[in-house]
Every structure is written in C-alpha cells, then in structure tokens.
Amino acid sequence: MSLRIARGVYNPEKDRFHYYVSFKPTLDPTVEERGAEQRHPIDVALSVTETGELADLAFSLPQPCRSRRSLEYLSKTQSASMVEERVFITVPDLSGDSVLQGKGNLELDGFGRIIGLEIS
C-alpha cells in the first residue's frame, strides 16, 4: 500500500506546516473526522523539502502500539520500515532539505490498528 499525506496551512507562529499521514488505504487524510478512537502522543523527527513537502519521518512506537494488530496497516505500507519499536518512513521521489523535531499523535481505530499520524 502506498502512503497518503496531506499538508495543512502554514502556521507562522510555530513556523511550521501541519501534516497528516494516512496508513489505512481507504482513509482520506484531508477529512477532519477520521474515525480515530485512540490517540497516542509521540515525538517525530521529520525532514521536509525546500517547498515544505514531507520527505521522510521517524518515530518510536509507544508500548500499546507495538502489537501485530496495531501494526496491520503500517506493516503493509511500502515506504515504511520498522526496526524494533522504531518506524522509518520515506516519501518516494522526495528528498529532505531540513530536519525538524515535532510533536505528533498516532491515531488508532476501534480495533486498535494505527490508521494515521497527525504531526503539528
């Protein structure tokens, strides 16, 4: 499965964009209500292109998100790789110019599967 990314508007106060990365194939990353039942805060390292497009990211999975069930969509994402609890995601055909640290929320559905990642 391929990655779906939505970039929000630029926030001049934080000097950042808002991103949503969808791992569930049928989830539209641009909708406000995505059906998340649980959210787990995480720290995210990300790189962006000179135009602000998300090029790659890395984060550690919280303990409740490390089960086979939780990783169902993430493990089928072609551009994602996992080493123990660390997740590395690259966006095909993009190369980052700047590396940033950000806060994110892993979103899980009612079955406990990670459906997406919100980065602010």
PDB file of N, CA and C in Angstrom:
ATOM      1  N   MET A   1       0.839  -1.177   0.000  1.00  0.00           N
ATOM      2  CA  MET A   1       0.000   0.000   0.000  1.00  0.00           C
ATOM      3  C   MET A   1       0.884   1.241   0.000  1.00  0.00           C
ATOM      4  N   SER A   2       0.376   2.264  -0.608  1.00  0.00           N
ATOM      5  CA  SER A   2       1.149   3.492  -0.652  1.00  0.00           C
ATOM      6  C   SER A   2       0.702   4.456   0.443  1.00  0.00           C
ATOM      7  N   LEU A   3       1.546   5.388   0.702  1.00  0.00           N
ATOM      8  CA  LEU A   3       1.357   6.393   1.727  1.00  0.00           C
ATOM      9  C   LEU A   3       0.494   7.523   1.182  1.00  0.00           C
ATOM     10  N   ARG A   4      -0.353   8.094   2.025  1.00  0.00           N
ATOM     11  CA  ARG A   4      -1.154   9.260   1.637  1.00  0.00           C
ATOM     12  C   ARG A   4      -0.878  10.349   2.654  1.00  0.00           C
ATOM     13  N   ILE A   5      -0.480  11.518   2.160  1.00  0.00           N
ATOM     14  CA  ILE A   5      -0.090  12.614   3.034  1.00  0.00           C
ATOM     15  C   ILE A   5      -0.873  13.871   2.667  1.00  0.00           C
ATOM     16  N   ALA A   6      -1.348  14.561   3.687  1.00  0.00           N
ATOM     17  CA  ALA A   6      -1.992  15.856   3.498  1.00  0.00           C
ATOM     18  C   ALA A   6      -1.199  16.895   4.273  1.00  0.00           C
ATOM     19  N   ARG A   7      -0.948  18.014   3.611  1.00  0.00           N
ATOM     20  CA  ARG A   7      -0.248  19.118   4.271  1.00  0.00           C
ATOM     21  C   ARG A   7      -1.249  20.222   4.498  1.00  0.00           C
ATOM     22  N   GLY A   8      -1.312  20.686   5.745  1.00  0.00           N
ATOM     23  CA  GLY A   8      -2.219  21.779   6.088  1.00  0.00           C
ATOM     24  C   GLY A   8      -1.597  23.126   5.795  1.00  0.00           C
ATOM     25  N   VAL A   9      -2.237  24.143   6.286  1.00  0.00           N
ATOM     26  CA  VAL A   9      -1.754  25.502   6.059  1.00  0.00           C
ATOM     27  C   VAL A   9      -0.554  25.807   6.945  1.00  0.00           C
ATOM     28  N   TYR A  10       0.216  26.765   6.519  1.00  0.00           N
ATOM     29  CA  TYR A  10       1.410  27.186   7.243  1.00  0.00           C
ATOM     30  C   TYR A  10       1.007  27.964   8.491  1.00  0.00           C
ATOM     31  N   ASN A  11       1.628  27.634   9.632  1.00  0.00           N
ATOM     32  CA  ASN A  11       1.375  28.337  10.886  1.00  0.00           C
ATOM     33  C   ASN A  11       2.569  29.244  11.169  1.00  0.00           C
ATOM     34  N   PRO A  12       2.421  30.554  10.970  1.00  0.00           N
ATOM     35  CA  PRO A  12       3.570  31.451  11.157  1.00  0.00           C
ATOM     36  C   PRO A  12       4.046  31.541  12.611  1.00  0.00           C
ATOM     37  N   GLU A  13       3.171  31.296  13.568  1.00  0.00           N
ATOM     38  CA  GLU A  13       3.566  31.339  14.979  1.00  0.00           C
ATOM     39  C   GLU A  13       4.543  30.214  15.313  1.00  0.00           C
ATOM     40  N   LYS A  14       4.293  29.035  14.768  1.00  0.00           N
ATOM     41  CA  LYS A  14       5.163  27.884  15.017  1.00  0.00           C
ATOM     42  C   LYS A  14       6.197  27.705  13.920  1.00  0.00           C
ATOM     43  N   ASP A  15       6.068  28.491  12.831  1.00  0.00           N
ATOM     44  CA  ASP A  15       6.959  28.395  11.686  1.00  0.00           C
ATOM     45  C   ASP A  15       6.951  26.971  11.116  1.00  0.00           C
ATOM     46  N   ARG A  16       5.737  26.389  11.027  1.00  0.00           N
ATOM     47  CA  ARG A  16       5.580  25.003  10.566  1.00  0.00           C
ATOM     48  C   ARG A  16       4.286  24.808   9.802  1.00  0.00           C
ATOM     49  N   PHE A  17       4.264  23.676   9.088  1.00  0.00           N
ATOM     50  CA  PHE A  17       3.049  23.181   8.467  1.00  0.00           C
ATOM     51  C   PHE A  17       2.464  22.103   9.370  1.00  0.00           C
ATOM     52  N   HIS A  18       1.226  21.780   9.155  1.00  0.00           N
ATOM     53  CA  HIS A  18       0.548  20.682   9.831  1.00  0.00           C
ATOM     54  C   HIS A  18       0.429  19.563   8.795  1.00  0.00           C
ATOM     55  N   TYR A  19       0.757  18.330   9.184  1.00  0.00           N
ATOM     56  CA  TYR A  19       0.710  17.197   8.264  1.00  0.00           C
ATOM     57  C   TYR A  19      -0.162  16.085   8.837  1.00  0.00           C
ATOM     58  N   TYR A  20      -0.771  15.321   7.934  1.00  0.00           N
ATOM     59  CA  TYR A  20      -1.446  14.087   8.334  1.00  0.00           C
ATOM     60  C   TYR A  20      -0.987  12.994   7.375  1.00  0.00           C
ATOM     61  N   VAL A  21      -0.482  11.895   7.947  1.00  0.00           N
ATOM     62  CA  VAL A  21      -0.001  10.748   7.178  1.00  0.00           C
ATOM     63  C   VAL A  21      -0.983   9.606   7.402  1.00  0.00           C
ATOM     64  N   SER A  22      -1.588   9.138   6.339  1.00  0.00           N
ATOM     65  CA  SER A  22      -2.581   8.063   6.420  1.00  0.00           C
ATOM     66  C   SER A  22      -1.945   6.726   6.062  1.00  0.00           C
ATOM     67  N   PHE A  23      -2.146   5.734   6.930  1.00  0.00           N
ATOM     68  CA  PHE A  23      -1.661   4.378   6.674  1.00  0.00           C
ATOM     69  C   PHE A  23      -2.792   3.460   6.233  1.00  0.00           C
ATOM     70  N   LYS A  24      -4.012   3.798   6.577  1.00  0.00           N
ATOM     71  CA  LYS A  24      -5.176   2.989   6.185  1.00  0.00           C
ATOM     72  C   LYS A  24      -5.527   3.342   4.736  1.00  0.00           C
ATOM     73  N   PRO A  25      -5.606   2.351   3.860  1.00  0.00           N
ATOM     74  CA  PRO A  25      -5.797   2.621   2.430  1.00  0.00           C
ATOM     75  C   PRO A  25      -7.041   3.442   2.091  1.00  0.00           C
ATOM     76  N   THR A  26      -8.112   3.263   2.814  1.00  0.00           N
ATOM     77  CA  THR A  26      -9.356   3.955   2.473  1.00  0.00           C
ATOM     78  C   THR A  26      -9.539   5.274   3.219  1.00  0.00           C
ATOM     79  N   LEU A  27      -8.575   5.651   4.025  1.00  0.00           N
ATOM     80  CA  LEU A  27      -8.697   6.873   4.830  1.00  0.00           C
ATOM     81  C   LEU A  27      -8.216   8.087   4.048  1.00  0.00           C
ATOM     82  N   ASP A  28      -9.095   9.059   3.894  1.00  0.00           N
ATOM     83  CA  ASP A  28      -8.748  10.309   3.229  1.00  0.00           C
ATOM     84  C   ASP A  28      -8.061  11.206   4.254  1.00  0.00           C
ATOM     85  N   PRO A  29      -6.784  11.542   4.052  1.00  0.00           N
ATOM     86  CA  PRO A  29      -6.062  12.330   5.049  1.00  0.00           C
ATOM     87  C   PRO A  29      -6.505  13.786   5.134  1.00  0.00           C
ATOM     88  N   THR A  30      -7.371  14.228   4.220  1.00  0.00           N
ATOM     89  CA  THR A  30      -7.799  15.621   4.231  1.00  0.00           C
ATOM     90  C   THR A  30      -9.082  15.858   5.028  1.00  0.00           C
ATOM     91  N   VAL A  31      -9.766  14.809   5.449  1.00  0.00           N
ATOM     92  CA  VAL A  31     -11.019  14.991   6.190  1.00  0.00           C
ATOM     93  C   VAL A  31     -10.738  15.308   7.654  1.00  0.00           C
ATOM     94  N   GLU A  32     -11.629  16.052   8.267  1.00  0.00           N
ATOM     95  CA  GLU A  32     -11.471  16.427   9.678  1.00  0.00           C
ATOM     96  C   GLU A  32     -11.721  15.237  10.611  1.00  0.00           C
ATOM     97  N   GLU A  33     -12.800  14.511  10.371  1.00  0.00           N
ATOM     98  CA  GLU A  33     -13.164  13.372  11.226  1.00  0.00           C
ATOM     99  C   GLU A  33     -12.696  12.091  10.557  1.00  0.00           C
ATOM    100  N   ARG A  34     -11.701  11.443  11.156  1.00  0.00           N
ATOM    101  CA  ARG A  34     -11.107  10.260  10.549  1.00  0.00           C
ATOM    102  C   ARG A  34     -11.491   8.963  11.262  1.00  0.00           C
ATOM    103  N   GLY A  35     -12.308   9.048  12.288  1.00  0.00           N
ATOM    104  CA  GLY A  35     -12.760   7.849  12.981  1.00  0.00           C
ATOM    105  C   GLY A  35     -11.776   7.294  13.985  1.00  0.00           C
ATOM    106  N   ALA A  36     -10.877   8.131  14.479  1.00  0.00           N
ATOM    107  CA  ALA A  36      -9.897   7.666  15.465  1.00  0.00           C
ATOM    108  C   ALA A  36     -10.576   7.473  16.817  1.00  0.00           C
ATOM    109  N   GLU A  37     -10.331   6.333  17.417  1.00  0.00           N
ATOM    110  CA  GLU A  37     -10.868   6.020  18.739  1.00  0.00           C
ATOM    111  C   GLU A  37      -9.853   6.290  19.845  1.00  0.00           C
ATOM    112  N   GLN A  38      -8.565   6.212  19.499  1.00  0.00           N
ATOM    113  CA  GLN A  38      -7.487   6.439  20.467  1.00  0.00           C
ATOM    114  C   GLN A  38      -6.413   7.297  19.823  1.00  0.00           C
ATOM    115  N   ARG A  39      -5.720   8.052  20.661  1.00  0.00           N
ATOM    116  CA  ARG A  39      -4.579   8.844  20.200  1.00  0.00           C
ATOM    117  C   ARG A  39      -3.442   8.671  21.193  1.00  0.00           C
ATOM    118  N   HIS A  40      -2.232   8.497  20.649  1.00  0.00           N
ATOM    119  CA  HIS A  40      -1.045   8.355  21.488  1.00  0.00           C
ATOM    120  C   HIS A  40      -0.031   9.415  21.062  1.00  0.00           C
ATOM    121  N   PRO A  41       0.341  10.316  21.987  1.00  0.00           N
ATOM    122  CA  PRO A  41       1.311  11.353  21.642  1.00  0.00           C
ATOM    123  C   PRO A  41       2.713  10.764  21.461  1.00  0.00           C
ATOM    124  N   ILE A  42       3.429  11.270  20.447  1.00  0.00           N
ATOM    125  CA  ILE A  42       4.791  10.816  20.171  1.00  0.00           C
ATOM    126  C   ILE A  42       5.637  12.008  19.719  1.00  0.00           C
ATOM    127  N   ASP A  43       6.950  11.836  19.776  1.00  0.00           N
ATOM    128  CA  ASP A  43       7.891  12.780  19.190  1.00  0.00           C
ATOM    129  C   ASP A  43       8.253  12.255  17.810  1.00  0.00           C
ATOM    130  N   VAL A  44       8.322  13.159  16.837  1.00  0.00           N
ATOM    131  CA  VAL A  44       8.583  12.777  15.457  1.00  0.00           C
ATOM    132  C   VAL A  44       9.770  13.572  14.921  1.00  0.00           C
ATOM    133  N   ALA A  45      10.707  12.882  14.302  1.00  0.00           N
ATOM    134  CA  ALA A  45      11.775  13.541  13.550  1.00  0.00           C
ATOM    135  C   ALA A  45      11.349  13.505  12.089  1.00  0.00           C
ATOM    136  N   LEU A  46      11.397  14.643  11.412  1.00  0.00           N
ATOM    137  CA  LEU A  46      10.956  14.683  10.039  1.00  0.00           C
ATOM    138  C   LEU A  46      11.869  15.564   9.206  1.00  0.00           C
ATOM    139  N   SER A  47      11.911  15.272   7.933  1.00  0.00           N
ATOM    140  CA  SER A  47      12.627  16.158   7.024  1.00  0.00           C
ATOM    141  C   SER A  47      11.641  16.618   5.963  1.00  0.00           C
ATOM    142  N   VAL A  48      11.829  17.849   5.542  1.00  0.00           N
ATOM    143  CA  VAL A  48      10.931  18.449   4.560  1.00  0.00           C
ATOM    144  C   VAL A  48      11.754  18.992   3.395  1.00  0.00           C
ATOM    145  N   THR A  49      11.112  19.110   2.249  1.00  0.00           N
ATOM    146  CA  THR A  49      11.754  19.693   1.079  1.00  0.00           C
ATOM    147  C   THR A  49      11.793  21.204   1.243  1.00  0.00           C
ATOM    148  N   GLU A  50      12.450  21.887   0.329  1.00  0.00           N
ATOM    149  CA  GLU A  50      12.513  23.346   0.416  1.00  0.00           C
ATOM    150  C   GLU A  50      11.158  23.999   0.197  1.00  0.00           C
ATOM    151  N   THR A  51      10.185  23.258  -0.341  1.00  0.00           N
ATOM    152  CA  THR A  51       8.830  23.802  -0.518  1.00  0.00           C
ATOM    153  C   THR A  51       7.877  23.366   0.596  1.00  0.00           C
ATOM    154  N   GLY A  52       8.405  22.663   1.608  1.00  0.00           N
ATOM    155  CA  GLY A  52       7.582  22.272   2.750  1.00  0.00           C
ATOM    156  C   GLY A  52       6.887  20.940   2.638  1.00  0.00           C
ATOM    157  N   GLU A  53       7.208  20.167   1.592  1.00  0.00           N
ATOM    158  CA  GLU A  53       6.615  18.826   1.465  1.00  0.00           C
ATOM    159  C   GLU A  53       7.331  17.873   2.417  1.00  0.00           C
ATOM    160  N   LEU A  54       6.593  16.978   3.021  1.00  0.00           N
ATOM    161  CA  LEU A  54       7.159  15.975   3.923  1.00  0.00           C
ATOM    162  C   LEU A  54       7.943  14.947   3.103  1.00  0.00           C
ATOM    163  N   ALA A  55       9.228  14.767   3.416  1.00  0.00           N
ATOM    164  CA  ALA A  55      10.078  13.848   2.651  1.00  0.00           C
ATOM    165  C   ALA A  55      10.305  12.530   3.382  1.00  0.00           C
ATOM    166  N   ASP A  56      10.528  12.577   4.688  1.00  0.00           N
ATOM    167  CA  ASP A  56      10.661  11.347   5.471  1.00  0.00           C
ATOM    168  C   ASP A  56      10.470  11.669   6.937  1.00  0.00           C
ATOM    169  N   LEU A  57      10.225  10.624   7.718  1.00  0.00           N
ATOM    170  CA  LEU A  57       9.999  10.792   9.148  1.00  0.00           C
ATOM    171  C   LEU A  57      10.374   9.537   9.900  1.00  0.00           C
ATOM    172  N   ALA A  58      10.600   9.718  11.189  1.00  0.00           N
ATOM    173  CA  ALA A  58      10.948   8.600  12.067  1.00  0.00           C
ATOM    174  C   ALA A  58      10.344   8.865  13.440  1.00  0.00           C
ATOM    175  N   PHE A  59       9.920   7.780  14.094  1.00  0.00           N
ATOM    176  CA  PHE A  59       9.361   7.899  15.439  1.00  0.00           C
ATOM    177  C   PHE A  59       9.422   6.550  16.129  1.00  0.00           C
ATOM    178  N   SER A  60       9.283   6.581  17.440  1.00  0.00           N
ATOM    179  CA  SER A  60       9.215   5.354  18.241  1.00  0.00           C
ATOM    180  C   SER A  60       7.761   5.059  18.565  1.00  0.00           C
ATOM    181  N   LEU A  61       7.412   3.789  18.475  1.00  0.00           N
ATOM    182  CA  LEU A  61       6.047   3.374  18.803  1.00  0.00           C
ATOM    183  C   LEU A  61       5.873   3.300  20.316  1.00  0.00           C
ATOM    184  N   PRO A  62       4.791   3.870  20.855  1.00  0.00           N
ATOM    185  CA  PRO A  62       4.503   3.676  22.273  1.00  0.00           C
ATOM    186  C   PRO A  62       4.194   2.199  22.533  1.00  0.00           C
ATOM    187  N   GLN A  63       4.399   1.755  23.727  1.00  0.00           N
ATOM    188  CA  GLN A  63       4.184   0.346  24.089  1.00  0.00           C
ATOM    189  C   GLN A  63       2.824  -0.194  23.642  1.00  0.00           C
ATOM    190  N   PRO A  64       1.706   0.528  23.847  1.00  0.00           N
ATOM    191  CA  PRO A  64       0.404  -0.032  23.440  1.00  0.00           C
ATOM    192  C   PRO A  64       0.234  -0.187  21.923  1.00  0.00           C
ATOM    193  N   CYS A  65       1.131   0.380  21.129  1.00  0.00           N
ATOM    194  CA  CYS A  65       1.001   0.355  19.665  1.00  0.00           C
ATOM    195  C   CYS A  65       1.958  -0.620  18.993  1.00  0.00           C
ATOM    196  N   ARG A  66       2.517  -1.545  19.726  1.00  0.00           N
ATOM    197  CA  ARG A  66       3.529  -2.447  19.169  1.00  0.00           C
ATOM    198  C   ARG A  66       2.998  -3.837  18.833  1.00  0.00           C
ATOM    199  N   SER A  67       1.732  -4.069  19.008  1.00  0.00           N
ATOM    200  CA  SER A  67       1.181  -5.395  18.727  1.00  0.00           C
ATOM    201  C   SER A  67       1.023  -5.611  17.221  1.00  0.00           C
ATOM    202  N   ARG A  68       0.928  -6.842  16.835  1.00  0.00           N
ATOM    203  CA  ARG A  68       0.723  -7.185  15.424  1.00  0.00           C
ATOM    204  C   ARG A  68      -0.558  -6.542  14.898  1.00  0.00           C
ATOM    205  N   ARG A  69      -1.587  -6.527  15.719  1.00  0.00           N
ATOM    206  CA  ARG A  69      -2.872  -5.926  15.332  1.00  0.00           C
ATOM    207  C   ARG A  69      -2.719  -4.431  15.088  1.00  0.00           C
ATOM    208  N   SER A  70      -2.002  -3.741  15.988  1.00  0.00           N
ATOM    209  CA  SER A  70      -1.798  -2.295  15.855  1.00  0.00           C
ATOM    210  C   SER A  70      -1.036  -1.956  14.581  1.00  0.00           C
ATOM    211  N   LEU A  71      -0.125  -2.806  14.181  1.00  0.00           N
ATOM    212  CA  LEU A  71       0.753  -2.545  13.046  1.00  0.00           C
ATOM    213  C   LEU A  71       0.213  -3.044  11.706  1.00  0.00           C
ATOM    214  N   GLU A  72      -1.030  -3.483  11.692  1.00  0.00           N
ATOM    215  CA  GLU A  72      -1.606  -4.086  10.491  1.00  0.00           C
ATOM    216  C   GLU A  72      -1.456  -3.192   9.253  1.00  0.00           C
ATOM    217  N   TYR A  73      -1.885  -1.948   9.302  1.00  0.00           N
ATOM    218  CA  TYR A  73      -1.791  -1.055   8.147  1.00  0.00           C
ATOM    219  C   TYR A  73      -0.364  -0.560   7.934  1.00  0.00           C
ATOM    220  N   LEU A  74       0.307  -0.231   9.001  1.00  0.00           N
ATOM    221  CA  LEU A  74       1.667   0.302   8.912  1.00  0.00           C
ATOM    222  C   LEU A  74       2.619  -0.706   8.280  1.00  0.00           C
ATOM    223  N   SER A  75       2.484  -1.980   8.633  1.00  0.00           N
ATOM    224  CA  SER A  75       3.387  -3.003   8.091  1.00  0.00           C
ATOM    225  C   SER A  75       3.154  -3.260   6.599  1.00  0.00           C
ATOM    226  N   LYS A  76       2.000  -2.881   6.085  1.00  0.00           N
ATOM    227  CA  LYS A  76       1.701  -3.068   4.657  1.00  0.00           C
ATOM    228  C   LYS A  76       2.032  -1.826   3.830  1.00  0.00           C
ATOM    229  N   THR A  77       2.512  -0.780   4.480  1.00  0.00           N
ATOM    230  CA  THR A  77       2.880   0.448   3.784  1.00  0.00           C
ATOM    231  C   THR A  77       4.253   0.258   3.149  1.00  0.00           C
ATOM    232  N   GLN A  78       4.326   0.398   1.836  1.00  0.00           N
ATOM    233  CA  GLN A  78       5.546   0.089   1.082  1.00  0.00           C
ATOM    234  C   GLN A  78       6.747   0.918   1.501  1.00  0.00           C
ATOM    235  N   SER A  79       6.551   2.160   1.852  1.00  0.00           N
ATOM    236  CA  SER A  79       7.691   3.033   2.150  1.00  0.00           C
ATOM    237  C   SER A  79       8.017   3.099   3.637  1.00  0.00           C
ATOM    238  N   ALA A  80       7.438   2.210   4.424  1.00  0.00           N
ATOM    239  CA  ALA A  80       7.705   2.179   5.868  1.00  0.00           C
ATOM    240  C   ALA A  80       8.548   0.961   6.214  1.00  0.00           C
ATOM    241  N   SER A  81       9.488   1.160   7.132  1.00  0.00           N
ATOM    242  CA  SER A  81      10.254   0.035   7.653  1.00  0.00           C
ATOM    243  C   SER A  81      10.311   0.169   9.168  1.00  0.00           C
ATOM    244  N   MET A  82      10.425  -0.952   9.840  1.00  0.00           N
ATOM    245  CA  MET A  82      10.443  -0.961  11.297  1.00  0.00           C
ATOM    246  C   MET A  82      11.652  -1.738  11.792  1.00  0.00           C
ATOM    247  N   VAL A  83      12.301  -1.179  12.790  1.00  0.00           N
ATOM    248  CA  VAL A  83      13.402  -1.834  13.476  1.00  0.00           C
ATOM    249  C   VAL A  83      13.073  -1.742  14.955  1.00  0.00           C
ATOM    250  N   GLU A  84      12.692  -2.896  15.509  1.00  0.00           N
ATOM    251  CA  GLU A  84      12.196  -2.963  16.886  1.00  0.00           C
ATOM    252  C   GLU A  84      11.034  -1.987  17.036  1.00  0.00           C
ATOM    253  N   GLU A  85      11.125  -1.000  17.940  1.00  0.00           N
ATOM    254  CA  GLU A  85       9.991  -0.092  18.129  1.00  0.00           C
ATOM    255  C   GLU A  85      10.104   1.183  17.294  1.00  0.00           C
ATOM    256  N   ARG A  86      11.164   1.304  16.491  1.00  0.00           N
ATOM    257  CA  ARG A  86      11.366   2.499  15.656  1.00  0.00           C
ATOM    258  C   ARG A  86      10.739   2.307  14.276  1.00  0.00           C
ATOM    259  N   VAL A  87      10.093   3.363  13.788  1.00  0.00           N
ATOM    260  CA  VAL A  87       9.469   3.348  12.475  1.00  0.00           C
ATOM    261  C   VAL A  87      10.157   4.402  11.615  1.00  0.00           C
ATOM    262  N   PHE A  88      10.511   4.031  10.386  1.00  0.00           N
ATOM    263  CA  PHE A  88      11.146   4.932   9.431  1.00  0.00           C
ATOM    264  C   PHE A  88      10.289   4.945   8.171  1.00  0.00           C
ATOM    265  N   ILE A  89       9.932   6.134   7.729  1.00  0.00           N
ATOM    266  CA  ILE A  89       9.071   6.264   6.555  1.00  0.00           C
ATOM    267  C   ILE A  89       9.716   7.244   5.583  1.00  0.00           C
ATOM    268  N   THR A  90       9.805   6.842   4.339  1.00  0.00           N
ATOM    269  CA  THR A  90      10.303   7.724   3.291  1.00  0.00           C
ATOM    270  C   THR A  90       9.185   7.964   2.286  1.00  0.00           C
ATOM    271  N   VAL A  91       9.134   9.164   1.764  1.00  0.00           N
ATOM    272  CA  VAL A  91       8.157   9.501   0.742  1.00  0.00           C
ATOM    273  C   VAL A  91       8.854   9.347  -0.607  1.00  0.00           C
ATOM    274  N   PRO A  92       8.345   8.469  -1.454  1.00  0.00           N
ATOM    275  CA  PRO A  92       9.001   8.227  -2.746  1.00  0.00           C
ATOM    276  C   PRO A  92       9.199   9.522  -3.547  1.00  0.00           C
ATOM    277  N   ASP A  93      10.348   9.621  -4.199  1.00  0.00           N
ATOM    278  CA  ASP A  93      10.698  10.719  -5.103  1.00  0.00           C
ATOM    279  C   ASP A  93      10.922  12.062  -4.419  1.00  0.00           C
ATOM    280  N   LEU A  94      11.022  12.105  -3.088  1.00  0.00           N
ATOM    281  CA  LEU A  94      11.283  13.362  -2.399  1.00  0.00           C
ATOM    282  C   LEU A  94      12.545  13.238  -1.551  1.00  0.00           C
ATOM    283  N   SER A  95      13.252  14.342  -1.434  1.00  0.00           N
ATOM    284  CA  SER A  95      14.469  14.396  -0.643  1.00  0.00           C
ATOM    285  C   SER A  95      14.387  15.606   0.269  1.00  0.00           C
ATOM    286  N   GLY A  96      14.626  15.388   1.554  1.00  0.00           N
ATOM    287  CA  GLY A  96      14.501  16.470   2.523  1.00  0.00           C
ATOM    288  C   GLY A  96      15.696  17.400   2.546  1.00  0.00           C
ATOM    289  N   ASP A  97      15.423  18.682   2.758  1.00  0.00           N
ATOM    290  CA  ASP A  97      16.463  19.696   2.875  1.00  0.00           C
ATOM    291  C   ASP A  97      16.683  20.115   4.319  1.00  0.00           C
ATOM    292  N   SER A  98      15.642  20.026   5.116  1.00  0.00           N
ATOM    293  CA  SER A  98      15.713  20.448   6.519  1.00  0.00           C
ATOM    294  C   SER A  98      15.181  19.348   7.413  1.00  0.00           C
ATOM    295  N   VAL A  99      15.824  19.168   8.555  1.00  0.00           N
ATOM    296  CA  VAL A  99      15.378  18.170   9.525  1.00  0.00           C
ATOM    297  C   VAL A  99      14.784  18.914  10.716  1.00  0.00           C
ATOM    298  N   LEU A 100      13.604  18.473  11.136  1.00  0.00           N
ATOM    299  CA  LEU A 100      12.873  19.120  12.223  1.00  0.00           C
ATOM    300  C   LEU A 100      12.454  18.102  13.262  1.00  0.00           C
ATOM    301  N   GLN A 101      12.195  18.586  14.446  1.00  0.00           N
ATOM    302  CA  GLN A 101      11.621  17.765  15.517  1.00  0.00           C
ATOM    303  C   GLN A 101      10.217  18.283  15.744  1.00  0.00           C
ATOM    304  N   GLY A 102       9.250  17.390  15.858  1.00  0.00           N
ATOM    305  CA  GLY A 102       7.876  17.811  16.048  1.00  0.00           C
ATOM    306  C   GLY A 102       7.126  16.891  16.985  1.00  0.00           C
ATOM    307  N   LYS A 103       5.934  17.309  17.315  1.00  0.00           N
ATOM    308  CA  LYS A 103       5.022  16.514  18.130  1.00  0.00           C
ATOM    309  C   LYS A 103       3.971  15.901  17.219  1.00  0.00           C
ATOM    310  N   GLY A 104       3.590  14.696  17.540  1.00  0.00           N
ATOM    311  CA  GLY A 104       2.586  14.027  16.738  1.00  0.00           C
ATOM    312  C   GLY A 104       1.649  13.203  17.586  1.00  0.00           C
ATOM    313  N   ASN A 105       0.598  12.728  16.957  1.00  0.00           N
ATOM    314  CA  ASN A 105      -0.358  11.826  17.590  1.00  0.00           C
ATOM    315  C   ASN A 105      -0.607  10.657  16.655  1.00  0.00           C
ATOM    316  N   LEU A 106      -0.317   9.448  17.128  1.00  0.00           N
ATOM    317  CA  LEU A 106      -0.702   8.253  16.388  1.00  0.00           C
ATOM    318  C   LEU A 106      -2.183   8.044  16.625  1.00  0.00           C
ATOM    319  N   GLU A 107      -2.940   7.849  15.556  1.00  0.00           N
ATOM    320  CA  GLU A 107      -4.378   7.623  15.684  1.00  0.00           C
ATOM    321  C   GLU A 107      -4.691   6.166  15.415  1.00  0.00           C
ATOM    322  N   LEU A 108      -5.503   5.585  16.286  1.00  0.00           N
ATOM    323  CA  LEU A 108      -5.896   4.187  16.173  1.00  0.00           C
ATOM    324  C   LEU A 108      -7.400   4.091  16.003  1.00  0.00           C
ATOM    325  N   ASP A 109      -7.841   3.096  15.249  1.00  0.00           N
ATOM    326  CA  ASP A 109      -9.269   2.871  15.073  1.00  0.00           C
ATOM    327  C   ASP A 109      -9.829   2.060  16.236  1.00  0.00           C
ATOM    328  N   GLY A 110     -11.081   1.700  16.169  1.00  0.00           N
ATOM    329  CA  GLY A 110     -11.743   0.956  17.234  1.00  0.00           C
ATOM    330  C   GLY A 110     -11.197  -0.444  17.450  1.00  0.00           C
ATOM    331  N   PHE A 111     -10.471  -0.967  16.471  1.00  0.00           N
ATOM    332  CA  PHE A 111      -9.870  -2.291  16.573  1.00  0.00           C
ATOM    333  C   PHE A 111      -8.415  -2.220  17.072  1.00  0.00           C
ATOM    334  N   GLY A 112      -7.941  -1.007  17.344  1.00  0.00           N
ATOM    335  CA  GLY A 112      -6.588  -0.836  17.845  1.00  0.00           C
ATOM    336  C   GLY A 112      -5.512  -0.783  16.770  1.00  0.00           C
ATOM    337  N   ARG A 113      -5.923  -0.588  15.509  1.00  0.00           N
ATOM    338  CA  ARG A 113      -4.975  -0.505  14.389  1.00  0.00           C
ATOM    339  C   ARG A 113      -4.567   0.952  14.167  1.00  0.00           C
ATOM    340  N   ILE A 114      -3.277   1.173  13.944  1.00  0.00           N
ATOM    341  CA  ILE A 114      -2.804   2.526  13.652  1.00  0.00           C
ATOM    342  C   ILE A 114      -3.311   2.911  12.265  1.00  0.00           C
ATOM    343  N   ILE A 115      -4.117   3.981  12.211  1.00  0.00           N
ATOM    344  CA  ILE A 115      -4.669   4.414  10.919  1.00  0.00           C
ATOM    345  C   ILE A 115      -3.935   5.625  10.352  1.00  0.00           C
ATOM    346  N   GLY A 116      -3.270   6.383  11.215  1.00  0.00           N
ATOM    347  CA  GLY A 116      -2.584   7.554  10.709  1.00  0.00           C
ATOM    348  C   GLY A 116      -1.757   8.250  11.773  1.00  0.00           C
ATOM    349  N   LEU A 117      -1.062   9.283  11.336  1.00  0.00           N
ATOM    350  CA  LEU A 117      -0.211  10.081  12.197  1.00  0.00           C
ATOM    351  C   LEU A 117      -0.444  11.547  11.900  1.00  0.00           C
ATOM    352  N   GLU A 118      -0.821  12.279  12.926  1.00  0.00           N
ATOM    353  CA  GLU A 118      -1.011  13.719  12.820  1.00  0.00           C
ATOM    354  C   GLU A 118       0.236  14.401  13.375  1.00  0.00           C
ATOM    355  N   ILE A 119       0.823  15.299  12.595  1.00  0.00           N
ATOM    356  CA  ILE A 119       2.040  15.998  13.020  1.00  0.00           C
ATOM    357  C   ILE A 119       1.757  17.495  13.045  1.00  0.00           C
ATOM    358  N   SER A 120       2.068  18.094  14.192  1.00  0.00           N
ATOM    359  CA  SER A 120       1.841  19.545  14.278  1.00  0.00           C
ATOM    360  C   SER A 120       3.099  20.266  14.677  1.00  0.00           C
TER     361      SER A 120
END
